[in-house]
Protein backbone atom coordinates (compact mmCIF):
# COMPACT_ATOMS: atom_id res chain seq x y z
CA UNK A 1 0.00 0.00 0.00
CA UNK A 2 1.48 3.32 -1.06
CA UNK A 3 1.92 5.94 1.61
CA UNK A 4 0.61 8.90 -0.34
CA UNK A 5 -3.04 9.89 -0.04
CA UNK A 6 -3.08 10.25 -3.81
CA UNK A 7 -2.73 6.47 -4.10
CA UNK A 8 -5.78 5.88 -1.90
CA UNK A 9 -9.44 5.78 -2.77
CA UNK A 10 -11.78 8.34 -1.21
CA UNK A 11 -12.74 5.85 1.51
CA UNK A 12 -9.11 4.98 2.12
CA UNK A 13 -8.23 8.64 2.57
CA UNK A 14 -11.14 9.20 4.96
CA UNK A 15 -10.21 6.22 7.11
CA UNK A 16 -6.52 7.13 7.09
CA UNK A 17 -7.34 10.68 8.23
CA UNK A 18 -10.16 10.10 10.71
CA UNK A 19 -9.75 6.49 11.87
CA UNK A 20 -6.03 5.92 11.53
CA UNK A 21 -6.00 3.04 13.97
CA UNK A 22 -8.34 0.95 11.84
CA UNK A 23 -6.51 2.11 8.72
CA UNK A 24 -3.34 0.52 10.07
CA UNK A 25 -5.15 -2.76 10.72
CA UNK A 26 -6.28 -2.79 7.08
CA UNK A 27 -2.66 -2.93 5.95
CA UNK A 28 -2.45 -6.46 7.36
CA UNK A 29 -5.43 -7.65 5.32
CA UNK A 30 -5.03 -9.21 1.86
CA UNK A 31 -4.72 -6.46 -0.78
CA UNK A 32 -7.89 -7.58 -2.53
CA UNK A 33 -9.92 -7.04 0.67
CA UNK A 34 -8.59 -3.62 1.69
CA UNK A 35 -10.91 -1.46 -0.38
CA UNK A 36 -13.93 -3.28 1.03
CA UNK A 37 -12.60 -2.71 4.56
CA UNK A 38 -11.97 0.96 3.77
CA UNK A 39 -15.57 1.30 2.56
CA UNK A 40 -16.88 -0.42 5.69
CA UNK A 41 -14.87 1.76 8.04
CA UNK A 42 -15.73 4.91 6.08
CA UNK A 43 -19.40 4.02 6.49
CA UNK A 44 -18.81 3.73 10.22
CA UNK A 45 -17.25 7.20 10.23
CA UNK A 46 -20.33 8.57 8.49
CA UNK A 47 -22.76 7.31 11.10
CA UNK A 48 -20.44 7.83 14.07
CA UNK A 49 -20.06 11.55 13.36
CA UNK A 50 -23.81 12.14 13.24
CA UNK A 51 -23.93 13.81 16.66
CA UNK A 52 -21.13 16.19 15.68
CA UNK A 53 -22.58 17.32 12.35
CA UNK A 54 -26.20 18.04 13.33
CA UNK A 55 -27.59 20.91 15.38
CA UNK A 56 -30.56 19.07 16.87
CA UNK A 57 -31.60 15.46 17.46
CA UNK A 58 -34.30 15.36 14.79
CA UNK A 59 -31.70 16.17 12.13
CA UNK A 60 -29.56 13.34 13.42
CA UNK A 61 -32.51 10.98 13.18
CA UNK A 62 -33.06 12.08 9.58
CA UNK A 63 -29.41 11.44 8.77
CA UNK A 64 -29.46 7.98 10.32
CA UNK A 65 -32.73 7.17 8.55
CA UNK A 66 -31.08 8.14 5.25
CA UNK A 67 -28.44 5.51 5.92
CA UNK A 68 -31.08 2.98 6.91
CA UNK A 69 -32.96 3.58 3.67
CA UNK A 70 -29.81 3.63 1.56
CA UNK A 71 -28.55 0.33 2.93
CA UNK A 72 -31.99 -1.16 2.38
CA UNK A 73 -31.92 -0.07 -1.25
CA UNK A 74 -28.55 -1.75 -1.74
CA UNK A 75 -29.97 -5.04 -0.50
CA UNK A 76 -32.97 -4.51 -2.79
CA UNK A 77 -30.60 -4.31 -5.76
CA UNK A 78 -30.54 -0.54 -6.16
CA UNK A 79 -28.35 2.17 -4.63
CA UNK A 80 -27.77 5.90 -4.39
CA UNK A 81 -24.80 7.85 -5.71
CA UNK A 82 -22.61 8.62 -2.71
CA UNK A 83 -18.83 8.52 -2.34
CA UNK A 84 -19.03 6.02 0.54
CA UNK A 85 -22.24 4.17 -0.26
CA UNK A 86 -21.20 3.15 -3.78
CA UNK A 87 -18.01 1.26 -2.79
CA UNK A 88 -19.83 -0.08 0.27
CA UNK A 89 -22.55 -1.46 -2.01
CA UNK A 90 -19.85 -3.23 -4.03
CA UNK A 91 -18.48 -4.77 -0.83
CA UNK A 92 -21.95 -5.84 0.31
CA UNK A 93 -22.61 -7.63 -2.97
CA UNK A 94 -19.14 -9.12 -3.35
CA UNK A 95 -18.94 -10.54 0.16
CA UNK A 96 -22.64 -11.05 0.89
CA UNK A 97 -22.41 -8.96 4.05
CA UNK A 98 -25.06 -9.37 6.74
CA UNK A 99 -27.67 -6.64 6.58
CA UNK A 100 -28.62 -6.93 10.26
CA UNK A 101 -25.12 -5.87 11.31
CA UNK A 102 -25.48 -2.59 9.41
CA UNK A 103 -28.89 -1.97 10.92
CA UNK A 104 -27.57 -2.58 14.44
CA UNK A 105 -24.73 -0.12 13.89
CA UNK A 106 -27.09 2.57 12.61
CA UNK A 107 -29.66 2.03 15.37
CA UNK A 108 -26.92 2.10 17.98
CA UNK A 109 -25.96 5.62 16.99
CA UNK A 110 -29.36 6.93 18.02
CA UNK A 111 -28.06 6.87 21.59
CA UNK A 112 -25.60 9.60 20.60
CA UNK A 113 -28.50 11.98 19.96
CA UNK A 114 -29.36 12.15 23.66
CA UNK A 115 -27.18 13.60 26.40
CA UNK A 116 -28.13 10.98 28.97
CA UNK A 117 -25.14 8.96 30.24
CA UNK A 118 -25.47 5.18 30.65
CA UNK A 119 -27.10 4.18 33.94
CA UNK A 120 -24.52 1.52 34.78
CA UNK A 121 -21.75 -0.66 33.41
CA UNK A 122 -24.22 -3.01 31.75
CA UNK A 123 -25.75 -0.14 29.78
CA UNK A 124 -22.31 1.13 28.83
CA UNK A 125 -21.23 -2.31 27.61
CA UNK A 126 -24.46 -2.60 25.61
CA UNK A 127 -23.77 0.72 23.89
CA UNK A 128 -20.19 -0.35 23.19
CA UNK A 129 -21.41 -3.61 21.73
CA UNK A 130 -24.03 -2.24 19.32
CA UNK A 131 -21.77 0.54 18.05
CA UNK A 132 -18.64 -1.56 17.56
CA UNK A 133 -19.07 -5.35 17.59
CA UNK A 134 -21.12 -5.59 14.36
CA UNK A 135 -18.38 -3.64 12.59
CA UNK A 136 -15.79 -6.24 13.59
CA UNK A 137 -18.14 -9.02 12.48
CA UNK A 138 -18.62 -7.38 9.07
CA UNK A 139 -14.85 -7.06 8.73
CA UNK A 140 -14.57 -10.78 9.45
CA UNK A 141 -17.06 -11.48 6.66
CA UNK A 142 -14.98 -9.43 4.24
CA UNK A 143 -11.99 -11.53 5.26
CA UNK A 144 -13.97 -14.70 4.55
CA UNK A 145 -14.42 -15.78 8.17
CA UNK A 146 -17.88 -16.80 9.33
CA UNK A 147 -17.99 -19.00 12.40
CA UNK A 148 -19.18 -18.82 15.99
CA UNK A 149 -15.80 -18.53 17.77
CA UNK A 150 -14.68 -15.70 15.48
CA UNK A 151 -18.01 -13.91 15.97
CA UNK A 152 -17.68 -14.26 19.74
CA UNK A 153 -14.12 -12.92 19.64
CA UNK A 154 -15.26 -10.01 17.46
CA UNK A 155 -17.96 -9.16 19.99
CA UNK A 156 -15.46 -9.00 22.85
CA UNK A 157 -12.85 -7.09 20.83
CA UNK A 158 -15.50 -4.66 19.62
CA UNK A 159 -16.69 -3.91 23.14
CA UNK A 160 -13.14 -3.52 24.47
CA UNK A 161 -12.18 -1.20 21.62
CA UNK A 162 -15.27 0.96 22.08
CA UNK A 163 -14.75 1.22 25.85
CA UNK A 164 -11.12 2.21 25.31
CA UNK A 165 -12.14 4.84 22.78
CA UNK A 166 -14.78 6.26 25.13
CA UNK A 167 -12.20 6.61 27.90
CA UNK A 168 -9.78 8.46 25.62
CA UNK A 169 -12.63 10.67 24.43
CA UNK A 170 -13.77 11.77 27.91
CA UNK A 171 -12.20 15.28 27.55
CA UNK A 172 -13.68 15.72 24.05
CA UNK A 173 -17.13 14.66 25.19
CA UNK A 174 -16.90 16.78 28.35
CA UNK A 175 -16.22 19.89 26.28
CA UNK A 176 -19.47 19.16 24.43
CA UNK A 177 -21.34 18.48 27.69
CA UNK A 178 -21.68 14.80 26.87
CA UNK A 179 -20.88 11.87 29.09
CA UNK A 180 -20.50 8.15 28.37
CA UNK A 181 -19.36 6.99 31.80
CA UNK A 182 -21.78 4.96 33.98
CA UNK A 183 -23.86 7.05 36.36
CA UNK A 184 -23.65 4.59 39.22
CA UNK A 185 -19.87 4.38 38.99
CA UNK A 186 -19.56 8.17 38.86
CA UNK A 187 -21.73 8.48 41.96
CA UNK A 188 -19.77 5.81 43.80
CA UNK A 189 -16.54 7.74 43.20
CA UNK A 190 -18.07 11.14 43.95
CA UNK A 191 -17.74 12.53 40.42
CA UNK A 192 -20.37 15.01 39.25
CA UNK A 193 -21.25 15.75 35.66
CA UNK A 194 -20.71 19.45 36.30
CA UNK A 195 -17.09 18.93 37.39
CA UNK A 196 -16.37 17.15 34.12
CA UNK A 197 -18.21 19.67 32.00
CA UNK A 198 -16.20 22.42 33.71
CA UNK A 199 -13.06 20.44 32.76
CA UNK A 200 -12.11 20.20 36.43
CA UNK A 201 -12.17 16.45 37.00
CA UNK A 202 -11.98 15.40 40.65
CA UNK A 203 -9.59 12.74 41.88
CA UNK A 204 -12.43 10.23 41.93
CA UNK A 205 -12.53 10.18 38.13
CA UNK A 206 -9.40 8.03 38.18
CA UNK A 207 -11.35 5.35 40.01
CA UNK A 208 -14.10 5.49 37.40
CA UNK A 209 -11.54 5.16 34.62
CA UNK A 210 -9.91 2.22 36.39
CA UNK A 211 -13.25 0.39 36.55
CA UNK A 212 -14.08 0.95 32.88
CA UNK A 213 -10.52 -0.01 31.91
CA UNK A 214 -11.01 -3.22 33.87
CA UNK A 215 -14.17 -3.93 31.88
CA UNK A 216 -12.26 -3.45 28.63
CA UNK A 217 -9.41 -5.73 29.74
CA UNK A 218 -11.87 -8.45 30.73
CA UNK A 219 -13.34 -8.42 27.22
CA UNK A 220 -9.84 -8.58 25.72
CA UNK A 221 -9.11 -11.64 27.84
CA UNK A 222 -12.35 -13.26 26.70
CA UNK A 223 -11.47 -12.58 23.06
CA UNK A 224 -7.99 -14.06 23.44
CA UNK A 225 -9.33 -17.15 25.18
CA UNK A 226 -10.94 -17.95 21.81
CA UNK A 227 -7.81 -17.35 19.75
CA UNK A 228 -7.05 -21.02 19.07
CA UNK A 229 -10.50 -21.38 17.52
CA UNK A 230 -10.36 -18.26 15.32
CA UNK A 231 -9.00 -18.69 11.78
CA UNK A 232 -5.90 -16.58 11.24
CA UNK A 233 -7.49 -15.11 8.14
CA UNK A 234 -9.77 -13.14 10.46
CA UNK A 235 -7.03 -11.63 12.61
CA UNK A 236 -6.87 -8.26 10.76
CA UNK A 237 -10.46 -7.64 11.89
CA UNK A 238 -9.40 -8.23 15.49
CA UNK A 239 -6.13 -6.31 15.62
CA UNK A 240 -7.84 -3.42 17.37
CA UNK A 241 -7.36 -5.62 20.45
CA UNK A 242 -3.64 -4.91 20.20
CA UNK A 243 -4.31 -1.19 19.90
CA UNK A 244 -6.65 -1.31 22.89
CA UNK A 245 -3.82 -2.86 24.89
CA UNK A 246 -1.54 0.00 23.92
CA UNK A 247 -4.01 2.74 24.84
CA UNK A 248 -5.12 1.09 28.08
CA UNK A 249 -1.45 0.80 28.99
CA UNK A 250 -0.91 4.50 28.37
CA UNK A 251 -3.95 5.35 30.50
CA UNK A 252 -2.63 3.16 33.32
CA UNK A 253 0.82 4.77 33.14
CA UNK A 254 -0.87 8.16 33.37
CA UNK A 255 -2.41 7.07 36.67
CA UNK A 256 -5.83 6.68 35.03
CA UNK A 257 -5.89 10.40 34.30
CA UNK A 258 -7.59 10.57 30.90
CA UNK A 259 -7.02 14.33 30.82
CA UNK A 260 -3.24 13.77 30.76
CA UNK A 261 -1.74 14.94 27.43
CA UNK A 262 -0.01 11.60 26.78
CA UNK A 263 -3.42 9.85 26.65
CA UNK A 264 -4.45 11.91 23.64
CA UNK A 265 -1.18 11.56 21.74
CA UNK A 266 -0.83 9.01 18.90
CA UNK A 267 1.40 6.13 19.91
CA UNK A 268 4.55 5.94 17.75
CA UNK A 269 4.87 2.16 18.21
CA UNK A 270 1.39 1.20 17.00
CA UNK A 271 2.39 -0.13 13.61
CA UNK A 272 5.36 -2.07 14.97
CA UNK A 273 3.19 -3.70 17.63
CA UNK A 274 0.55 -4.58 15.05
CA UNK A 275 3.20 -6.06 12.75
CA UNK A 276 4.63 -8.16 15.58
CA UNK A 277 1.21 -9.47 16.60
CA UNK A 278 0.28 -10.25 13.00
CA UNK A 279 3.59 -11.99 12.37
CA UNK A 280 3.33 -14.11 15.52
CA UNK A 281 -0.30 -15.01 14.91
CA UNK A 282 -1.91 -13.02 17.73
CA UNK A 283 -4.37 -10.15 18.13
């Protein structure tokens, strides 16, 4: 894969710019599957940014409904002209991708249109699952892997990756007066929404972060317990587990302070770690 953006498709450029972690995982997929993965991940960017590009919830619902309808048309044999939808439609037809996974991803993003934080860890894990796990399962399908152990591993990796991302995004969400940390855990550690929204996190936030990090690590362990049963062809779809390890490690070294500058910085060893895991048959 060439390094210049000029050598990339539109979807490839979007993923490289806005979801660089997943872009790197695509480099370990067979060349003839990369464009389909780029289209899939570019689609995810489109629905994931809904909350940021609309001014009120009803507009977000309209945007998500557009994607619902557009995906439905693809499965009906039609399709709209759109720089992401057209290559995605090609991937859907070529690899017979599961429609329900797309619908779950789109529906999951409706939660972003409200400012209500999850009530507890179970609710948080559910949000992480519906907004991330189906994406990993679709990536597996593109890679030609369709079996129960791989699907189970993808579920756990998806949840862990989403939880890790939500932790790293706490400052970004706080600036927008949004919160994705469990209410009951916040209360237990004496952390108020107002303190976060004022960007003055109390010491108790570190305890909250530690608990959510623990949830993510548990899901990574569950995913790796299945590794012997997962075909190696599917590993590129699961390499975000390696990246989650890296970011959770940085958070831990920062004393679980997600406002620490090092937590937001890109890790210079990501690609080397991914290459080592891929070469040694791990994720």
